[in-house]
Amino acid sequence: MALIGVVMFPVRCVARGRSGGGDMLSREDSRRLAELERQLRRDDPEFCARLEGAQPLAPAHRKRFPITLILTAVVLWATAITLGILTWWSPAAITGACAVTVSTAVILRTRRVPKG
């Protein structure tokens, strides 16, 4: 029997003395689940090792595009330019420094880090 779908919870490859499922499954279902776990450990030990080492609900390795940081940088740059045009030099300089800091954060977050 093949199971196809999305796993919503972390899979434990080691039953640790329990027959998986606890009180929610019948004895027959618990026995079947334990057999599937043993078969998975036997057939693909590398997969089980990866799952056992993974943190539950681990964040994705892909970095999200920081749209809020980009919008913040755009607003800060526009504010700095406007303050500069109005000849408010000190607030313009402070806002410009904040805009540079946020822009740097955007660049660092979107930069690809080579593996290896």
PDB file of N, CA and C in Angstrom:
ATOM      1  N   MET A   1       0.849  -1.169   0.000  1.00  0.00           N
ATOM      2  CA  MET A   1       0.000   0.000   0.000  1.00  0.00           C
ATOM      3  C   MET A   1       0.893   1.231   0.000  1.00  0.00           C
ATOM      4  N   ALA A   2       0.717   2.123  -0.947  1.00  0.00           N
ATOM      5  CA  ALA A   2       1.525   3.331  -1.054  1.00  0.00           C
ATOM      6  C   ALA A   2       0.750   4.508  -0.473  1.00  0.00           C
ATOM      7  N   LEU A   3       1.445   5.311   0.303  1.00  0.00           N
ATOM      8  CA  LEU A   3       0.836   6.494   0.885  1.00  0.00           C
ATOM      9  C   LEU A   3       1.344   7.711   0.132  1.00  0.00           C
ATOM     10  N   ILE A   4       0.434   8.507  -0.381  1.00  0.00           N
ATOM     11  CA  ILE A   4       0.805   9.691  -1.130  1.00  0.00           C
ATOM     12  C   ILE A   4       0.145  10.876  -0.447  1.00  0.00           C
ATOM     13  N   GLY A   5       0.925  11.942  -0.223  1.00  0.00           N
ATOM     14  CA  GLY A   5       0.354  13.130   0.384  1.00  0.00           C
ATOM     15  C   GLY A   5       1.412  13.940   1.094  1.00  0.00           C
ATOM     16  N   VAL A   6       0.974  14.917   1.822  1.00  0.00           N
ATOM     17  CA  VAL A   6       1.858  15.814   2.535  1.00  0.00           C
ATOM     18  C   VAL A   6       1.900  15.397   3.990  1.00  0.00           C
ATOM     19  N   VAL A   7       3.103  15.295   4.546  1.00  0.00           N
ATOM     20  CA  VAL A   7       3.259  14.959   5.950  1.00  0.00           C
ATOM     21  C   VAL A   7       3.159  16.245   6.744  1.00  0.00           C
ATOM     22  N   MET A   8       2.219  16.321   7.656  1.00  0.00           N
ATOM     23  CA  MET A   8       1.996  17.535   8.421  1.00  0.00           C
ATOM     24  C   MET A   8       2.818  17.581   9.701  1.00  0.00           C
ATOM     25  N   PHE A   9       3.230  16.427  10.220  1.00  0.00           N
ATOM     26  CA  PHE A   9       3.969  16.367  11.460  1.00  0.00           C
ATOM     27  C   PHE A   9       5.262  15.616  11.223  1.00  0.00           C
ATOM     28  N   PRO A  10       6.302  15.881  12.029  1.00  0.00           N
ATOM     29  CA  PRO A  10       7.554  15.159  11.835  1.00  0.00           C
ATOM     30  C   PRO A  10       7.361  13.655  12.028  1.00  0.00           C
ATOM     31  N   VAL A  11       8.018  12.883  11.205  1.00  0.00           N
ATOM     32  CA  VAL A  11       7.915  11.429  11.255  1.00  0.00           C
ATOM     33  C   VAL A  11       9.041  10.902  12.124  1.00  0.00           C
ATOM     34  N   ARG A  12       8.718  10.044  13.038  1.00  0.00           N
ATOM     35  CA  ARG A  12       9.726   9.434  13.895  1.00  0.00           C
ATOM     36  C   ARG A  12      10.005   8.045  13.364  1.00  0.00           C
ATOM     37  N   CYS A  13      11.250   7.764  13.019  1.00  0.00           N
ATOM     38  CA  CYS A  13      11.596   6.460  12.468  1.00  0.00           C
ATOM     39  C   CYS A  13      11.866   5.449  13.569  1.00  0.00           C
ATOM     40  N   VAL A  14      12.059   5.905  14.764  1.00  0.00           N
ATOM     41  CA  VAL A  14      12.350   4.995  15.864  1.00  0.00           C
ATOM     42  C   VAL A  14      11.160   4.997  16.807  1.00  0.00           C
ATOM     43  N   ALA A  15      10.602   3.831  17.049  1.00  0.00           N
ATOM     44  CA  ALA A  15       9.425   3.736  17.911  1.00  0.00           C
ATOM     45  C   ALA A  15       9.794   3.843  19.383  1.00  0.00           C
ATOM     46  N   ARG A  16      11.066   3.595  19.731  1.00  0.00           N
ATOM     47  CA  ARG A  16      11.554   3.691  21.114  1.00  0.00           C
ATOM     48  C   ARG A  16      10.709   2.874  22.078  1.00  0.00           C
ATOM     49  N   GLY A  17      10.460   1.643  21.690  1.00  0.00           N
ATOM     50  CA  GLY A  17       9.759   0.740  22.580  1.00  0.00           C
ATOM     51  C   GLY A  17       8.248   0.845  22.521  1.00  0.00           C
ATOM     52  N   ARG A  18       7.741   1.860  21.863  1.00  0.00           N
ATOM     53  CA  ARG A  18       6.289   2.009  21.768  1.00  0.00           C
ATOM     54  C   ARG A  18       5.840   1.450  20.430  1.00  0.00           C
ATOM     55  N   SER A  19       4.652   0.948  20.407  1.00  0.00           N
ATOM     56  CA  SER A  19       4.044   0.656  19.119  1.00  0.00           C
ATOM     57  C   SER A  19       3.319   1.931  18.732  1.00  0.00           C
ATOM     58  N   GLY A  20       3.722   2.559  17.630  1.00  0.00           N
ATOM     59  CA  GLY A  20       3.272   3.893  17.252  1.00  0.00           C
ATOM     60  C   GLY A  20       1.771   4.061  17.290  1.00  0.00           C
ATOM     61  N   GLY A  21       1.328   5.260  17.593  1.00  0.00           N
ATOM     62  CA  GLY A  21      -0.086   5.563  17.529  1.00  0.00           C
ATOM     63  C   GLY A  21      -0.749   5.750  18.872  1.00  0.00           C
ATOM     64  N   GLY A  22      -0.274   5.069  19.893  1.00  0.00           N
ATOM     65  CA  GLY A  22      -0.858   5.235  21.215  1.00  0.00           C
ATOM     66  C   GLY A  22      -2.288   4.748  21.290  1.00  0.00           C
ATOM     67  N   ASP A  23      -3.125   5.486  22.001  1.00  0.00           N
ATOM     68  CA  ASP A  23      -4.501   5.071  22.245  1.00  0.00           C
ATOM     69  C   ASP A  23      -5.430   5.348  21.075  1.00  0.00           C
ATOM     70  N   MET A  24      -5.011   6.152  20.145  1.00  0.00           N
ATOM     71  CA  MET A  24      -5.893   6.534  19.052  1.00  0.00           C
ATOM     72  C   MET A  24      -6.054   5.424  18.017  1.00  0.00           C
ATOM     73  N   LEU A  25      -5.091   4.508  17.945  1.00  0.00           N
ATOM     74  CA  LEU A  25      -5.152   3.433  16.959  1.00  0.00           C
ATOM     75  C   LEU A  25      -5.509   2.112  17.628  1.00  0.00           C
ATOM     76  N   SER A  26      -6.134   1.264  16.844  1.00  0.00           N
ATOM     77  CA  SER A  26      -6.412  -0.076  17.360  1.00  0.00           C
ATOM     78  C   SER A  26      -5.096  -0.855  17.429  1.00  0.00           C
ATOM     79  N   ARG A  27      -5.126  -1.994  18.076  1.00  0.00           N
ATOM     80  CA  ARG A  27      -3.915  -2.815  18.174  1.00  0.00           C
ATOM     81  C   ARG A  27      -3.414  -3.217  16.796  1.00  0.00           C
ATOM     82  N   GLU A  28      -4.350  -3.565  15.934  1.00  0.00           N
ATOM     83  CA  GLU A  28      -3.968  -3.973  14.573  1.00  0.00           C
ATOM     84  C   GLU A  28      -3.310  -2.817  13.823  1.00  0.00           C
ATOM     85  N   ASP A  29      -3.877  -1.626  13.936  1.00  0.00           N
ATOM     86  CA  ASP A  29      -3.293  -0.467  13.268  1.00  0.00           C
ATOM     87  C   ASP A  29      -1.931  -0.112  13.870  1.00  0.00           C
ATOM     88  N   SER A  30      -1.811  -0.211  15.190  1.00  0.00           N
ATOM     89  CA  SER A  30      -0.522   0.046  15.836  1.00  0.00           C
ATOM     90  C   SER A  30       0.529  -0.956  15.380  1.00  0.00           C
ATOM     91  N   ARG A  31       0.121  -2.200  15.247  1.00  0.00           N
ATOM     92  CA  ARG A  31       1.045  -3.227  14.769  1.00  0.00           C
ATOM     93  C   ARG A  31       1.492  -2.932  13.337  1.00  0.00           C
ATOM     94  N   ARG A  32       0.537  -2.537  12.507  1.00  0.00           N
ATOM     95  CA  ARG A  32       0.871  -2.195  11.113  1.00  0.00           C
ATOM     96  C   ARG A  32       1.809  -0.995  11.050  1.00  0.00           C
ATOM     97  N   LEU A  33       1.539   0.008  11.875  1.00  0.00           N
ATOM     98  CA  LEU A  33       2.393   1.189  11.904  1.00  0.00           C
ATOM     99  C   LEU A  33       3.807   0.835  12.355  1.00  0.00           C
ATOM    100  N   ALA A  34       3.910   0.011  13.383  1.00  0.00           N
ATOM    101  CA  ALA A  34       5.231  -0.420  13.846  1.00  0.00           C
ATOM    102  C   ALA A  34       5.960  -1.193  12.764  1.00  0.00           C
ATOM    103  N   GLU A  35       5.253  -2.022  12.023  1.00  0.00           N
ATOM    104  CA  GLU A  35       5.863  -2.774  10.926  1.00  0.00           C
ATOM    105  C   GLU A  35       6.344  -1.831   9.822  1.00  0.00           C
ATOM    106  N   LEU A  36       5.540  -0.821   9.504  1.00  0.00           N
ATOM    107  CA  LEU A  36       5.958   0.163   8.504  1.00  0.00           C
ATOM    108  C   LEU A  36       7.207   0.921   8.952  1.00  0.00           C
ATOM    109  N   GLU A  37       7.268   1.266  10.239  1.00  0.00           N
ATOM    110  CA  GLU A  37       8.451   1.953  10.768  1.00  0.00           C
ATOM    111  C   GLU A  37       9.690   1.063  10.657  1.00  0.00           C
ATOM    112  N   ARG A  38       9.548  -0.209  11.026  1.00  0.00           N
ATOM    113  CA  ARG A  38      10.685  -1.130  10.918  1.00  0.00           C
ATOM    114  C   ARG A  38      11.124  -1.291   9.466  1.00  0.00           C
ATOM    115  N   GLN A  39      10.158  -1.391   8.580  1.00  0.00           N
ATOM    116  CA  GLN A  39      10.481  -1.550   7.159  1.00  0.00           C
ATOM    117  C   GLN A  39      11.178  -0.295   6.622  1.00  0.00           C
ATOM    118  N   LEU A  40      10.727   0.882   7.037  1.00  0.00           N
ATOM    119  CA  LEU A  40      11.365   2.113   6.604  1.00  0.00           C
ATOM    120  C   LEU A  40      12.799   2.199   7.124  1.00  0.00           C
ATOM    121  N   ARG A  41      13.014   1.838   8.397  1.00  0.00           N
ATOM    122  CA  ARG A  41      14.377   1.843   8.944  1.00  0.00           C
ATOM    123  C   ARG A  41      15.272   0.876   8.188  1.00  0.00           C
ATOM    124  N   ARG A  42      14.723  -0.264   7.802  1.00  0.00           N
ATOM    125  CA  ARG A  42      15.493  -1.280   7.091  1.00  0.00           C
ATOM    126  C   ARG A  42      15.770  -0.849   5.649  1.00  0.00           C
ATOM    127  N   ASP A  43      14.755  -0.267   4.974  1.00  0.00           N
ATOM    128  CA  ASP A  43      14.888   0.079   3.563  1.00  0.00           C
ATOM    129  C   ASP A  43      15.670   1.363   3.318  1.00  0.00           C
ATOM    130  N   ASP A  44      15.524   2.357   4.179  1.00  0.00           N
ATOM    131  CA  ASP A  44      16.151   3.656   3.938  1.00  0.00           C
ATOM    132  C   ASP A  44      16.677   4.263   5.243  1.00  0.00           C
ATOM    133  N   PRO A  45      17.789   3.720   5.764  1.00  0.00           N
ATOM    134  CA  PRO A  45      18.314   4.234   7.031  1.00  0.00           C
ATOM    135  C   PRO A  45      18.812   5.683   6.926  1.00  0.00           C
ATOM    136  N   GLU A  46      19.287   6.104   5.736  1.00  0.00           N
ATOM    137  CA  GLU A  46      19.745   7.489   5.583  1.00  0.00           C
ATOM    138  C   GLU A  46      18.587   8.466   5.761  1.00  0.00           C
ATOM    139  N   PHE A  47      17.442   8.122   5.193  1.00  0.00           N
ATOM    140  CA  PHE A  47      16.257   8.970   5.322  1.00  0.00           C
ATOM    141  C   PHE A  47      15.863   9.099   6.789  1.00  0.00           C
ATOM    142  N   CYS A  48      15.861   7.985   7.509  1.00  0.00           N
ATOM    143  CA  CYS A  48      15.512   8.016   8.933  1.00  0.00           C
ATOM    144  C   CYS A  48      16.509   8.846   9.726  1.00  0.00           C
ATOM    145  N   ALA A  49      17.783   8.728   9.377  1.00  0.00           N
ATOM    146  CA  ALA A  49      18.807   9.507  10.080  1.00  0.00           C
ATOM    147  C   ALA A  49      18.590  11.003   9.848  1.00  0.00           C
ATOM    148  N   ARG A  50      18.236  11.366   8.622  1.00  0.00           N
ATOM    149  CA  ARG A  50      17.970  12.780   8.334  1.00  0.00           C
ATOM    150  C   ARG A  50      16.751  13.271   9.105  1.00  0.00           C
ATOM    151  N   LEU A  51      15.704  12.445   9.173  1.00  0.00           N
ATOM    152  CA  LEU A  51      14.501  12.862   9.894  1.00  0.00           C
ATOM    153  C   LEU A  51      14.739  12.957  11.390  1.00  0.00           C
ATOM    154  N   GLU A  52      15.513  12.051  11.930  1.00  0.00           N
ATOM    155  CA  GLU A  52      15.774  12.082  13.368  1.00  0.00           C
ATOM    156  C   GLU A  52      16.627  13.281  13.742  1.00  0.00           C
ATOM    157  N   GLY A  53      17.498  13.724  12.827  1.00  0.00           N
ATOM    158  CA  GLY A  53      18.347  14.879  13.098  1.00  0.00           C
ATOM    159  C   GLY A  53      17.663  16.201  12.840  1.00  0.00           C
ATOM    160  N   ALA A  54      16.521  16.195  12.153  1.00  0.00           N
ATOM    161  CA  ALA A  54      15.833  17.436  11.804  1.00  0.00           C
ATOM    162  C   ALA A  54      15.063  17.978  12.999  1.00  0.00           C
ATOM    163  N   GLN A  55      14.978  19.287  13.054  1.00  0.00           N
ATOM    164  CA  GLN A  55      14.186  19.936  14.089  1.00  0.00           C
ATOM    165  C   GLN A  55      12.725  19.939  13.653  1.00  0.00           C
ATOM    166  N   PRO A  56      11.782  19.731  14.549  1.00  0.00           N
ATOM    167  CA  PRO A  56      10.370  19.787  14.178  1.00  0.00           C
ATOM    168  C   PRO A  56      10.006  21.185  13.680  1.00  0.00           C
ATOM    169  N   LEU A  57       9.238  21.225  12.623  1.00  0.00           N
ATOM    170  CA  LEU A  57       8.787  22.463  12.031  1.00  0.00           C
ATOM    171  C   LEU A  57       9.946  23.404  11.714  1.00  0.00           C
ATOM    172  N   ALA A  58      11.031  22.827  11.183  1.00  0.00           N
ATOM    173  CA  ALA A  58      12.203  23.616  10.834  1.00  0.00           C
ATOM    174  C   ALA A  58      11.857  24.582   9.703  1.00  0.00           C
ATOM    175  N   PRO A  59      12.431  25.784   9.745  1.00  0.00           N
ATOM    176  CA  PRO A  59      12.158  26.732   8.677  1.00  0.00           C
ATOM    177  C   PRO A  59      12.767  26.269   7.360  1.00  0.00           C
ATOM    178  N   ALA A  60      12.175  26.718   6.293  1.00  0.00           N
ATOM    179  CA  ALA A  60      12.660  26.349   4.971  1.00  0.00           C
ATOM    180  C   ALA A  60      14.053  26.930   4.749  1.00  0.00           C
ATOM    181  N   HIS A  61      14.837  26.250   3.935  1.00  0.00           N
ATOM    182  CA  HIS A  61      16.185  26.724   3.644  1.00  0.00           C
ATOM    183  C   HIS A  61      16.169  27.898   2.673  1.00  0.00           C
ATOM    184  N   ARG A  62      15.079  28.048   1.978  1.00  0.00           N
ATOM    185  CA  ARG A  62      14.971  29.143   1.022  1.00  0.00           C
ATOM    186  C   ARG A  62      14.694  30.437   1.766  1.00  0.00           C
ATOM    187  N   LYS A  63      15.414  31.497   1.391  1.00  0.00           N
ATOM    188  CA  LYS A  63      15.196  32.783   2.039  1.00  0.00           C
ATOM    189  C   LYS A  63      14.021  33.485   1.392  1.00  0.00           C
ATOM    190  N   ARG A  64      13.177  34.052   2.221  1.00  0.00           N
ATOM    191  CA  ARG A  64      12.034  34.799   1.713  1.00  0.00           C
ATOM    192  C   ARG A  64      12.499  36.171   1.255  1.00  0.00           C
ATOM    193  N   PHE A  65      11.823  36.693   0.258  1.00  0.00           N
ATOM    194  CA  PHE A  65      12.141  38.016  -0.256  1.00  0.00           C
ATOM    195  C   PHE A  65      11.661  39.050   0.756  1.00  0.00           C
ATOM    196  N   PRO A  66      12.546  39.917   1.258  1.00  0.00           N
ATOM    197  CA  PRO A  66      12.189  40.836   2.352  1.00  0.00           C
ATOM    198  C   PRO A  66      11.439  42.064   1.851  1.00  0.00           C
ATOM    199  N   ILE A  67      10.191  41.891   1.457  1.00  0.00           N
ATOM    200  CA  ILE A  67       9.419  42.995   0.884  1.00  0.00           C
ATOM    201  C   ILE A  67       9.224  44.129   1.878  1.00  0.00           C
ATOM    202  N   THR A  68       9.060  43.833   3.156  1.00  0.00           N
ATOM    203  CA  THR A  68       8.872  44.911   4.138  1.00  0.00           C
ATOM    204  C   THR A  68      10.142  45.735   4.294  1.00  0.00           C
ATOM    205  N   LEU A  69      11.291  45.067   4.233  1.00  0.00           N
ATOM    206  CA  LEU A  69      12.542  45.825   4.310  1.00  0.00           C
ATOM    207  C   LEU A  69      12.721  46.715   3.088  1.00  0.00           C
ATOM    208  N   ILE A  70      12.340  46.215   1.926  1.00  0.00           N
ATOM    209  CA  ILE A  70      12.468  47.020   0.709  1.00  0.00           C
ATOM    210  C   ILE A  70      11.548  48.237   0.772  1.00  0.00           C
ATOM    211  N   LEU A  71      10.306  48.030   1.211  1.00  0.00           N
ATOM    212  CA  LEU A  71       9.385  49.166   1.336  1.00  0.00           C
ATOM    213  C   LEU A  71       9.883  50.175   2.361  1.00  0.00           C
ATOM    214  N   THR A  72      10.436  49.688   3.461  1.00  0.00           N
ATOM    215  CA  THR A  72      10.990  50.586   4.477  1.00  0.00           C
ATOM    216  C   THR A  72      12.145  51.395   3.908  1.00  0.00           C
ATOM    217  N   ALA A  73      13.026  50.751   3.153  1.00  0.00           N
ATOM    218  CA  ALA A  73      14.160  51.461   2.547  1.00  0.00           C
ATOM    219  C   ALA A  73      13.680  52.519   1.561  1.00  0.00           C
ATOM    220  N   VAL A  74      12.673  52.188   0.749  1.00  0.00           N
ATOM    221  CA  VAL A  74      12.153  53.150  -0.225  1.00  0.00           C
ATOM    222  C   VAL A  74      11.559  54.366   0.484  1.00  0.00           C
ATOM    223  N   VAL A  75      10.777  54.133   1.532  1.00  0.00           N
ATOM    224  CA  VAL A  75      10.177  55.244   2.277  1.00  0.00           C
ATOM    225  C   VAL A  75      11.263  56.096   2.931  1.00  0.00           C
ATOM    226  N   LEU A  76      12.269  55.463   3.506  1.00  0.00           N
ATOM    227  CA  LEU A  76      13.351  56.228   4.139  1.00  0.00           C
ATOM    228  C   LEU A  76      14.135  57.051   3.119  1.00  0.00           C
ATOM    229  N   TRP A  77      14.423  56.459   1.967  1.00  0.00           N
ATOM    230  CA  TRP A  77      15.147  57.212   0.928  1.00  0.00           C
ATOM    231  C   TRP A  77      14.324  58.393   0.445  1.00  0.00           C
ATOM    232  N   ALA A  78      13.036  58.172   0.218  1.00  0.00           N
ATOM    233  CA  ALA A  78      12.175  59.276  -0.234  1.00  0.00           C
ATOM    234  C   ALA A  78      12.105  60.376   0.822  1.00  0.00           C
ATOM    235  N   THR A  79      12.029  59.991   2.079  1.00  0.00           N
ATOM    236  CA  THR A  79      11.993  60.967   3.166  1.00  0.00           C
ATOM    237  C   THR A  79      13.298  61.733   3.249  1.00  0.00           C
ATOM    238  N   ALA A  80      14.422  61.026   3.123  1.00  0.00           N
ATOM    239  CA  ALA A  80      15.727  61.689   3.185  1.00  0.00           C
ATOM    240  C   ALA A  80      15.878  62.690   2.043  1.00  0.00           C
ATOM    241  N   ILE A  81      15.450  62.318   0.847  1.00  0.00           N
ATOM    242  CA  ILE A  81      15.547  63.237  -0.294  1.00  0.00           C
ATOM    243  C   ILE A  81      14.644  64.453  -0.088  1.00  0.00           C
ATOM    244  N   THR A  82      13.424  64.208   0.401  1.00  0.00           N
ATOM    245  CA  THR A  82      12.500  65.311   0.653  1.00  0.00           C
ATOM    246  C   THR A  82      13.053  66.255   1.708  1.00  0.00           C
ATOM    247  N   LEU A  83      13.582  65.715   2.792  1.00  0.00           N
ATOM    248  CA  LEU A  83      14.164  66.568   3.842  1.00  0.00           C
ATOM    249  C   LEU A  83      15.373  67.335   3.319  1.00  0.00           C
ATOM    250  N   GLY A  84      16.148  66.702   2.442  1.00  0.00           N
ATOM    251  CA  GLY A  84      17.292  67.397   1.856  1.00  0.00           C
ATOM    252  C   GLY A  84      16.858  68.541   0.965  1.00  0.00           C
ATOM    253  N   ILE A  85      15.798  68.339   0.200  1.00  0.00           N
ATOM    254  CA  ILE A  85      15.277  69.397  -0.669  1.00  0.00           C
ATOM    255  C   ILE A  85      14.754  70.562   0.164  1.00  0.00           C
ATOM    256  N   LEU A  86      14.155  70.250   1.309  1.00  0.00           N
ATOM    257  CA  LEU A  86      13.630  71.292   2.191  1.00  0.00           C
ATOM    258  C   LEU A  86      14.715  71.939   3.051  1.00  0.00           C
ATOM    259  N   THR A  87      15.953  71.550   2.817  1.00  0.00           N
ATOM    260  CA  THR A  87      17.150  72.039   3.526  1.00  0.00           C
ATOM    261  C   THR A  87      17.123  71.765   5.028  1.00  0.00           C
ATOM    262  N   TRP A  88      16.525  70.677   5.426  1.00  0.00           N
ATOM    263  CA  TRP A  88      16.619  70.211   6.803  1.00  0.00           C
ATOM    264  C   TRP A  88      17.736  69.182   6.817  1.00  0.00           C
ATOM    265  N   TRP A  89      18.962  69.663   6.924  1.00  0.00           N
ATOM    266  CA  TRP A  89      20.130  68.812   6.684  1.00  0.00           C
ATOM    267  C   TRP A  89      20.318  67.744   7.757  1.00  0.00           C
ATOM    268  N   SER A  90      20.160  68.097   9.004  1.00  0.00           N
ATOM    269  CA  SER A  90      20.386  67.106  10.069  1.00  0.00           C
ATOM    270  C   SER A  90      19.377  65.951  10.006  1.00  0.00           C
ATOM    271  N   PRO A  91      18.069  66.241   9.930  1.00  0.00           N
ATOM    272  CA  PRO A  91      17.122  65.119   9.788  1.00  0.00           C
ATOM    273  C   PRO A  91      17.338  64.332   8.499  1.00  0.00           C
ATOM    274  N   ALA A  92      17.730  65.038   7.423  1.00  0.00           N
ATOM    275  CA  ALA A  92      17.993  64.343   6.161  1.00  0.00           C
ATOM    276  C   ALA A  92      19.168  63.391   6.308  1.00  0.00           C
ATOM    277  N   ALA A  93      20.221  63.820   7.011  1.00  0.00           N
ATOM    278  CA  ALA A  93      21.405  62.970   7.209  1.00  0.00           C
ATOM    279  C   ALA A  93      21.057  61.747   8.068  1.00  0.00           C
ATOM    280  N   ILE A  94      20.288  61.967   9.118  1.00  0.00           N
ATOM    281  CA  ILE A  94      19.903  60.856  10.001  1.00  0.00           C
ATOM    282  C   ILE A  94      19.026  59.862   9.244  1.00  0.00           C
ATOM    283  N   THR A  95      18.049  60.377   8.486  1.00  0.00           N
ATOM    284  CA  THR A  95      17.168  59.502   7.707  1.00  0.00           C
ATOM    285  C   THR A  95      17.955  58.769   6.631  1.00  0.00           C
ATOM    286  N   GLY A  96      18.918  59.451   6.006  1.00  0.00           N
ATOM    287  CA  GLY A  96      19.767  58.813   4.998  1.00  0.00           C
ATOM    288  C   GLY A  96      20.601  57.690   5.589  1.00  0.00           C
ATOM    289  N   ALA A  97      21.124  57.901   6.798  1.00  0.00           N
ATOM    290  CA  ALA A  97      21.901  56.846   7.459  1.00  0.00           C
ATOM    291  C   ALA A  97      21.019  55.635   7.764  1.00  0.00           C
ATOM    292  N   CYS A  98      19.792  55.890   8.199  1.00  0.00           N
ATOM    293  CA  CYS A  98      18.865  54.777   8.452  1.00  0.00           C
ATOM    294  C   CYS A  98      18.530  54.054   7.153  1.00  0.00           C
ATOM    295  N   ALA A  99      18.372  54.818   6.068  1.00  0.00           N
ATOM    296  CA  ALA A  99      18.070  54.206   4.774  1.00  0.00           C
ATOM    297  C   ALA A  99      19.226  53.337   4.299  1.00  0.00           C
ATOM    298  N   VAL A 100      20.452  53.779   4.516  1.00  0.00           N
ATOM    299  CA  VAL A 100      21.623  52.971   4.140  1.00  0.00           C
ATOM    300  C   VAL A 100      21.648  51.680   4.953  1.00  0.00           C
ATOM    301  N   THR A 101      21.344  51.775   6.234  1.00  0.00           N
ATOM    302  CA  THR A 101      21.337  50.587   7.088  1.00  0.00           C
ATOM    303  C   THR A 101      20.284  49.578   6.623  1.00  0.00           C
ATOM    304  N   VAL A 102      19.091  50.045   6.325  1.00  0.00           N
ATOM    305  CA  VAL A 102      18.031  49.144   5.879  1.00  0.00           C
ATOM    306  C   VAL A 102      18.367  48.573   4.500  1.00  0.00           C
ATOM    307  N   SER A 103      18.924  49.389   3.617  1.00  0.00           N
ATOM    308  CA  SER A 103      19.309  48.899   2.291  1.00  0.00           C
ATOM    309  C   SER A 103      20.381  47.825   2.390  1.00  0.00           C
ATOM    310  N   THR A 104      21.323  48.006   3.301  1.00  0.00           N
ATOM    311  CA  THR A 104      22.354  46.991   3.527  1.00  0.00           C
ATOM    312  C   THR A 104      21.733  45.696   4.034  1.00  0.00           C
ATOM    313  N   ALA A 105      20.755  45.817   4.919  1.00  0.00           N
ATOM    314  CA  ALA A 105      20.070  44.617   5.416  1.00  0.00           C
ATOM    315  C   ALA A 105      19.359  43.886   4.283  1.00  0.00           C
ATOM    316  N   VAL A 106      18.759  44.644   3.348  1.00  0.00           N
ATOM    317  CA  VAL A 106      18.091  44.021   2.205  1.00  0.00           C
ATOM    318  C   VAL A 106      19.099  43.267   1.354  1.00  0.00           C
ATOM    319  N   ILE A 107      20.236  43.894   1.091  1.00  0.00           N
ATOM    320  CA  ILE A 107      21.269  43.254   0.266  1.00  0.00           C
ATOM    321  C   ILE A 107      21.790  41.988   0.940  1.00  0.00           C
ATOM    322  N   LEU A 108      22.047  42.057   2.218  1.00  0.00           N
ATOM    323  CA  LEU A 108      22.579  40.887   2.929  1.00  0.00           C
ATOM    324  C   LEU A 108      21.558  39.756   3.012  1.00  0.00           C
ATOM    325  N   ARG A 109      20.281  40.089   3.148  1.00  0.00           N
ATOM    326  CA  ARG A 109      19.259  39.034   3.240  1.00  0.00           C
ATOM    327  C   ARG A 109      18.992  38.346   1.923  1.00  0.00           C
ATOM    328  N   THR A 110      19.137  39.065   0.815  1.00  0.00           N
ATOM    329  CA  THR A 110      18.842  38.471  -0.482  1.00  0.00           C
ATOM    330  C   THR A 110      20.074  37.862  -1.147  1.00  0.00           C
ATOM    331  N   ARG A 111      21.231  38.049  -0.545  1.00  0.00           N
ATOM    332  CA  ARG A 111      22.465  37.522  -1.127  1.00  0.00           C
ATOM    333  C   ARG A 111      22.468  36.019  -1.035  1.00  0.00           C
ATOM    334  N   ARG A 112      22.913  35.367  -2.117  1.00  0.00           N
ATOM    335  CA  ARG A 112      23.012  33.914  -2.124  1.00  0.00           C
ATOM    336  C   ARG A 112      24.353  33.515  -1.523  1.00  0.00           C
ATOM    337  N   VAL A 113      24.292  32.573  -0.597  1.00  0.00           N
ATOM    338  CA  VAL A 113      25.497  32.074   0.039  1.00  0.00           C
ATOM    339  C   VAL A 113      25.875  30.763  -0.659  1.00  0.00           C
ATOM    340  N   PRO A 114      27.087  30.678  -1.234  1.00  0.00           N
ATOM    341  CA  PRO A 114      27.474  29.430  -1.911  1.00  0.00           C
ATOM    342  C   PRO A 114      27.628  28.303  -0.914  1.00  0.00           C
ATOM    343  N   LYS A 115      27.158  27.105  -1.319  1.00  0.00           N
ATOM    344  CA  LYS A 115      27.269  25.936  -0.455  1.00  0.00           C
ATOM    345  C   LYS A 115      28.666  25.367  -0.567  1.00  0.00           C
ATOM    346  N   GLY A 116      29.091  24.767   0.524  1.00  0.00           N
ATOM    347  CA  GLY A 116      30.336  24.038   0.471  1.00  0.00           C
ATOM    348  C   GLY A 116      31.364  24.712   1.244  1.00  0.00           C
TER     349      GLY A 116
END
